[in-house]
Amino acid sequence: MLDFLILFGVGLTGIIVAVIGCVMIVGRKWQQPDQQQESRIRRLEQEVTALKKEEREDGRSDL
């Protein structure tokens, strides 16, 4: 009986570890698009800031 409980506990622990690993992998896959979108947003914000700066400089030079 004790052998059965030990094997059952080890098997159950292995299953739990496998499930946690799968959840972590899936979680990373879901986070990657978010990170890509954030980097795109940052890049676009930098472009907008650069364009606004150019417009300000062009406006000042015209005066």
PDB file of N, CA and C in Angstrom:
ATOM      1  N   MET A   1       0.822  -1.194   0.000  1.00  0.00           N
ATOM      2  CA  MET A   1       0.000   0.000   0.000  1.00  0.00           C
ATOM      3  C   MET A   1       0.870   1.263   0.000  1.00  0.00           C
ATOM      4  N   LEU A   2       1.932   1.227   0.792  1.00  0.00           N
ATOM      5  CA  LEU A   2       2.830   2.374   0.862  1.00  0.00           C
ATOM      6  C   LEU A   2       3.516   2.608  -0.483  1.00  0.00           C
ATOM      7  N   ASP A   3       3.904   1.524  -1.154  1.00  0.00           N
ATOM      8  CA  ASP A   3       4.526   1.655  -2.475  1.00  0.00           C
ATOM      9  C   ASP A   3       3.577   2.336  -3.455  1.00  0.00           C
ATOM     10  N   PHE A   4       2.303   1.959  -3.396  1.00  0.00           N
ATOM     11  CA  PHE A   4       1.304   2.554  -4.280  1.00  0.00           C
ATOM     12  C   PHE A   4       1.184   4.052  -4.012  1.00  0.00           C
ATOM     13  N   LEU A   5       1.143   4.437  -2.751  1.00  0.00           N
ATOM     14  CA  LEU A   5       1.012   5.854  -2.412  1.00  0.00           C
ATOM     15  C   LEU A   5       2.232   6.656  -2.873  1.00  0.00           C
ATOM     16  N   ILE A   6       3.412   6.072  -2.726  1.00  0.00           N
ATOM     17  CA  ILE A   6       4.630   6.759  -3.165  1.00  0.00           C
ATOM     18  C   ILE A   6       4.616   6.936  -4.680  1.00  0.00           C
ATOM     19  N   LEU A   7       4.302   5.869  -5.413  1.00  0.00           N
ATOM     20  CA  LEU A   7       4.265   5.958  -6.873  1.00  0.00           C
ATOM     21  C   LEU A   7       3.173   6.917  -7.343  1.00  0.00           C
ATOM     22  N   PHE A   8       2.022   6.877  -6.677  1.00  0.00           N
ATOM     23  CA  PHE A   8       0.925   7.777  -7.023  1.00  0.00           C
ATOM     24  C   PHE A   8       1.343   9.226  -6.786  1.00  0.00           C
ATOM     25  N   GLY A   9       2.001   9.483  -5.674  1.00  0.00           N
ATOM     26  CA  GLY A   9       2.458  10.842  -5.359  1.00  0.00           C
ATOM     27  C   GLY A   9       3.487  11.342  -6.354  1.00  0.00           C
ATOM     28  N   VAL A  10       4.432  10.476  -6.714  1.00  0.00           N
ATOM     29  CA  VAL A  10       5.457  10.866  -7.690  1.00  0.00           C
ATOM     30  C   VAL A  10       4.820  11.117  -9.054  1.00  0.00           C
ATOM     31  N   GLY A  11       3.901  10.264  -9.458  1.00  0.00           N
ATOM     32  CA  GLY A  11       3.223  10.434 -10.745  1.00  0.00           C
ATOM     33  C   GLY A  11       2.395  11.700 -10.782  1.00  0.00           C
ATOM     34  N   LEU A  12       1.669  11.951  -9.701  1.00  0.00           N
ATOM     35  CA  LEU A  12       0.839  13.155  -9.621  1.00  0.00           C
ATOM     36  C   LEU A  12       1.716  14.409  -9.642  1.00  0.00           C
ATOM     37  N   THR A  13       2.833  14.352  -8.953  1.00  0.00           N
ATOM     38  CA  THR A  13       3.763  15.486  -8.959  1.00  0.00           C
ATOM     39  C   THR A  13       4.292  15.738 -10.371  1.00  0.00           C
ATOM     40  N   GLY A  14       4.611  14.690 -11.093  1.00  0.00           N
ATOM     41  CA  GLY A  14       5.085  14.831 -12.468  1.00  0.00           C
ATOM     42  C   GLY A  14       4.040  15.459 -13.369  1.00  0.00           C
ATOM     43  N   ILE A  15       2.795  15.046 -13.205  1.00  0.00           N
ATOM     44  CA  ILE A  15       1.711  15.613 -14.014  1.00  0.00           C
ATOM     45  C   ILE A  15       1.539  17.094 -13.704  1.00  0.00           C
ATOM     46  N   ILE A  16       1.588  17.445 -12.430  1.00  0.00           N
ATOM     47  CA  ILE A  16       1.425  18.850 -12.034  1.00  0.00           C
ATOM     48  C   ILE A  16       2.556  19.700 -12.612  1.00  0.00           C
ATOM     49  N   VAL A  17       3.783  19.203 -12.542  1.00  0.00           N
ATOM     50  CA  VAL A  17       4.926  19.940 -13.093  1.00  0.00           C
ATOM     51  C   VAL A  17       4.775  20.108 -14.607  1.00  0.00           C
ATOM     52  N   ALA A  18       4.304  19.077 -15.288  1.00  0.00           N
ATOM     53  CA  ALA A  18       4.110  19.159 -16.740  1.00  0.00           C
ATOM     54  C   ALA A  18       3.049  20.201 -17.090  1.00  0.00           C
ATOM     55  N   VAL A  19       1.954  20.225 -16.343  1.00  0.00           N
ATOM     56  CA  VAL A  19       0.884  21.192 -16.602  1.00  0.00           C
ATOM     57  C   VAL A  19       1.389  22.614 -16.361  1.00  0.00           C
ATOM     58  N   ILE A  20       2.131  22.815 -15.276  1.00  0.00           N
ATOM     59  CA  ILE A  20       2.671  24.148 -14.990  1.00  0.00           C
ATOM     60  C   ILE A  20       3.616  24.589 -16.111  1.00  0.00           C
ATOM     61  N   GLY A  21       4.444  23.676 -16.600  1.00  0.00           N
ATOM     62  CA  GLY A  21       5.344  24.000 -17.703  1.00  0.00           C
ATOM     63  C   GLY A  21       4.592  24.405 -18.959  1.00  0.00           C
ATOM     64  N   CYS A  22       3.533  23.678 -19.279  1.00  0.00           N
ATOM     65  CA  CYS A  22       2.727  24.008 -20.464  1.00  0.00           C
ATOM     66  C   CYS A  22       2.078  25.377 -20.313  1.00  0.00           C
ATOM     67  N   VAL A  23       1.569  25.664 -19.123  1.00  0.00           N
ATOM     68  CA  VAL A  23       0.933  26.960 -18.883  1.00  0.00           C
ATOM     69  C   VAL A  23       1.954  28.086 -19.040  1.00  0.00           C
ATOM     70  N   MET A  24       3.166  27.872 -18.548  1.00  0.00           N
ATOM     71  CA  MET A  24       4.201  28.902 -18.686  1.00  0.00           C
ATOM     72  C   MET A  24       4.556  29.137 -20.149  1.00  0.00           C
ATOM     73  N   ILE A  25       4.657  28.075 -20.932  1.00  0.00           N
ATOM     74  CA  ILE A  25       4.995  28.209 -22.352  1.00  0.00           C
ATOM     75  C   ILE A  25       3.883  28.934 -23.096  1.00  0.00           C
ATOM     76  N   VAL A  26       2.640  28.549 -22.841  1.00  0.00           N
ATOM     77  CA  VAL A  26       1.507  29.202 -23.504  1.00  0.00           C
ATOM     78  C   VAL A  26       1.436  30.666 -23.086  1.00  0.00           C
ATOM     79  N   GLY A  27       1.697  30.943 -21.817  1.00  0.00           N
ATOM     80  CA  GLY A  27       1.694  32.326 -21.338  1.00  0.00           C
ATOM     81  C   GLY A  27       2.726  33.174 -22.047  1.00  0.00           C
ATOM     82  N   ARG A  28       3.898  32.627 -22.302  1.00  0.00           N
ATOM     83  CA  ARG A  28       4.936  33.366 -23.024  1.00  0.00           C
ATOM     84  C   ARG A  28       4.509  33.635 -24.455  1.00  0.00           C
ATOM     85  N   LYS A  29       3.884  32.648 -25.084  1.00  0.00           N
ATOM     86  CA  LYS A  29       3.442  32.826 -26.471  1.00  0.00           C
ATOM     87  C   LYS A  29       2.387  33.917 -26.554  1.00  0.00           C
ATOM     88  N   TRP A  30       1.532  34.016 -25.542  1.00  0.00           N
ATOM     89  CA  TRP A  30       0.494  35.044 -25.547  1.00  0.00           C
ATOM     90  C   TRP A  30       1.078  36.415 -25.280  1.00  0.00           C
ATOM     91  N   GLN A  31       2.159  36.503 -24.517  1.00  0.00           N
ATOM     92  CA  GLN A  31       2.743  37.793 -24.185  1.00  0.00           C
ATOM     93  C   GLN A  31       3.576  38.356 -25.323  1.00  0.00           C
ATOM     94  N   GLN A  32       4.115  37.528 -26.181  1.00  0.00           N
ATOM     95  CA  GLN A  32       4.976  38.014 -27.257  1.00  0.00           C
ATOM     96  C   GLN A  32       4.278  38.999 -28.192  1.00  0.00           C
ATOM     97  N   PRO A  33       3.051  38.724 -28.646  1.00  0.00           N
ATOM     98  CA  PRO A  33       2.401  39.723 -29.502  1.00  0.00           C
ATOM     99  C   PRO A  33       2.211  41.055 -28.784  1.00  0.00           C
ATOM    100  N   ASP A  34       1.937  41.010 -27.477  1.00  0.00           N
ATOM    101  CA  ASP A  34       1.775  42.246 -26.731  1.00  0.00           C
ATOM    102  C   ASP A  34       3.075  43.045 -26.733  1.00  0.00           C
ATOM    103  N   GLN A  35       4.180  42.370 -26.551  1.00  0.00           N
ATOM    104  CA  GLN A  35       5.470  43.049 -26.553  1.00  0.00           C
ATOM    105  C   GLN A  35       5.769  43.618 -27.934  1.00  0.00           C
ATOM    106  N   GLN A  36       5.400  42.888 -28.975  1.00  0.00           N
ATOM    107  CA  GLN A  36       5.627  43.385 -30.334  1.00  0.00           C
ATOM    108  C   GLN A  36       4.787  44.630 -30.589  1.00  0.00           C
ATOM    109  N   GLN A  37       3.546  44.610 -30.121  1.00  0.00           N
ATOM    110  CA  GLN A  37       2.682  45.769 -30.311  1.00  0.00           C
ATOM    111  C   GLN A  37       3.211  46.970 -29.543  1.00  0.00           C
ATOM    112  N   GLU A  38       3.701  46.726 -28.320  1.00  0.00           N
ATOM    113  CA  GLU A  38       4.256  47.819 -27.534  1.00  0.00           C
ATOM    114  C   GLU A  38       5.474  48.423 -28.222  1.00  0.00           C
ATOM    115  N   SER A  39       6.320  47.579 -28.806  1.00  0.00           N
ATOM    116  CA  SER A  39       7.500  48.108 -29.497  1.00  0.00           C
ATOM    117  C   SER A  39       7.079  48.890 -30.740  1.00  0.00           C
ATOM    118  N   ARG A  40       6.049  48.441 -31.430  1.00  0.00           N
ATOM    119  CA  ARG A  40       5.547  49.186 -32.593  1.00  0.00           C
ATOM    120  C   ARG A  40       5.002  50.541 -32.155  1.00  0.00           C
ATOM    121  N   ILE A  41       4.260  50.540 -31.047  1.00  0.00           N
ATOM    122  CA  ILE A  41       3.691  51.792 -30.543  1.00  0.00           C
ATOM    123  C   ILE A  41       4.805  52.759 -30.171  1.00  0.00           C
ATOM    124  N   ARG A  42       5.834  52.260 -29.485  1.00  0.00           N
ATOM    125  CA  ARG A  42       6.961  53.129 -29.113  1.00  0.00           C
ATOM    126  C   ARG A  42       7.649  53.700 -30.345  1.00  0.00           C
ATOM    127  N   ARG A  43       7.854  52.849 -31.348  1.00  0.00           N
ATOM    128  CA  ARG A  43       8.518  53.304 -32.570  1.00  0.00           C
ATOM    129  C   ARG A  43       7.676  54.380 -33.267  1.00  0.00           C
ATOM    130  N   LEU A  44       6.358  54.167 -33.331  1.00  0.00           N
ATOM    131  CA  LEU A  44       5.489  55.159 -33.961  1.00  0.00           C
ATOM    132  C   LEU A  44       5.472  56.462 -33.168  1.00  0.00           C
ATOM    133  N   GLU A  45       5.478  56.356 -31.831  1.00  0.00           N
ATOM    134  CA  GLU A  45       5.520  57.562 -31.010  1.00  0.00           C
ATOM    135  C   GLU A  45       6.805  58.343 -31.257  1.00  0.00           C
ATOM    136  N   GLN A  46       7.910  57.635 -31.409  1.00  0.00           N
ATOM    137  CA  GLN A  46       9.179  58.307 -31.694  1.00  0.00           C
ATOM    138  C   GLN A  46       9.136  58.991 -33.054  1.00  0.00           C
ATOM    139  N   GLU A  47       8.520  58.337 -34.037  1.00  0.00           N
ATOM    140  CA  GLU A  47       8.404  58.940 -35.363  1.00  0.00           C
ATOM    141  C   GLU A  47       7.542  60.194 -35.314  1.00  0.00           C
ATOM    142  N   VAL A  48       6.432  60.123 -34.567  1.00  0.00           N
ATOM    143  CA  VAL A  48       5.548  61.284 -34.449  1.00  0.00           C
ATOM    144  C   VAL A  48       6.284  62.429 -33.766  1.00  0.00           C
ATOM    145  N   THR A  49       7.012  62.114 -32.710  1.00  0.00           N
ATOM    146  CA  THR A  49       7.776  63.144 -32.008  1.00  0.00           C
ATOM    147  C   THR A  49       8.812  63.773 -32.936  1.00  0.00           C
ATOM    148  N   ALA A  50       9.488  62.953 -33.721  1.00  0.00           N
ATOM    149  CA  ALA A  50      10.486  63.479 -34.659  1.00  0.00           C
ATOM    150  C   ALA A  50       9.825  64.364 -35.712  1.00  0.00           C
ATOM    151  N   LEU A  51       8.665  63.945 -36.217  1.00  0.00           N
ATOM    152  CA  LEU A  51       7.964  64.756 -37.218  1.00  0.00           C
ATOM    153  C   LEU A  51       7.509  66.084 -36.628  1.00  0.00           C
ATOM    154  N   LYS A  52       6.996  66.055 -35.397  1.00  0.00           N
ATOM    155  CA  LYS A  52       6.569  67.300 -34.753  1.00  0.00           C
ATOM    156  C   LYS A  52       7.758  68.232 -34.559  1.00  0.00           C
ATOM    157  N   LYS A  53       8.894  67.662 -34.178  1.00  0.00           N
ATOM    158  CA  LYS A  53      10.098  68.470 -33.983  1.00  0.00           C
ATOM    159  C   LYS A  53      10.529  69.096 -35.302  1.00  0.00           C
ATOM    160  N   GLU A  54      10.478  68.325 -36.387  1.00  0.00           N
ATOM    161  CA  GLU A  54      10.834  68.861 -37.701  1.00  0.00           C
ATOM    162  C   GLU A  54       9.879  69.975 -38.111  1.00  0.00           C
ATOM    163  N   GLU A  55       8.584  69.782 -37.840  1.00  0.00           N
ATOM    164  CA  GLU A  55       7.607  70.810 -38.197  1.00  0.00           C
ATOM    165  C   GLU A  55       7.870  72.093 -37.422  1.00  0.00           C
ATOM    166  N   ARG A  56       8.202  71.953 -36.136  1.00  0.00           N
ATOM    167  CA  ARG A  56       8.499  73.137 -35.327  1.00  0.00           C
ATOM    168  C   ARG A  56       9.735  73.859 -35.866  1.00  0.00           C
ATOM    169  N   GLU A  57      10.761  73.094 -36.207  1.00  0.00           N
ATOM    170  CA  GLU A  57      11.984  73.710 -36.733  1.00  0.00           C
ATOM    171  C   GLU A  57      11.717  74.373 -38.081  1.00  0.00           C
ATOM    172  N   ASP A  58      10.921  73.732 -38.920  1.00  0.00           N
ATOM    173  CA  ASP A  58      10.587  74.324 -40.216  1.00  0.00           C
ATOM    174  C   ASP A  58       9.757  75.581 -40.029  1.00  0.00           C
ATOM    175  N   GLY A  59       8.846  75.561 -39.081  1.00  0.00           N
ATOM    176  CA  GLY A  59       8.006  76.729 -38.815  1.00  0.00           C
ATOM    177  C   GLY A  59       8.821  77.893 -38.301  1.00  0.00           C
ATOM    178  N   ARG A  60       9.802  77.638 -37.476  1.00  0.00           N
ATOM    179  CA  ARG A  60      10.645  78.699 -36.928  1.00  0.00           C
ATOM    180  C   ARG A  60      11.558  79.279 -38.003  1.00  0.00           C
ATOM    181  N   SER A  61      12.034  78.436 -38.900  1.00  0.00           N
ATOM    182  CA  SER A  61      12.934  78.934 -39.945  1.00  0.00           C
ATOM    183  C   SER A  61      12.171  79.793 -40.961  1.00  0.00           C
ATOM    184  N   ASP A  62      10.869  79.534 -41.137  1.00  0.00           N
ATOM    185  CA  ASP A  62      10.070  80.328 -42.067  1.00  0.00           C
ATOM    186  C   ASP A  62       9.832  81.727 -41.524  1.00  0.00           C
ATOM    187  N   LEU A  63       9.799  81.871 -40.202  1.00  0.00           N
ATOM    188  CA  LEU A  63       9.532  83.181 -39.615  1.00  0.00           C
ATOM    189  C   LEU A  63      10.699  84.044 -39.742  1.00  0.00           C
TER     190      LEU A  63
END
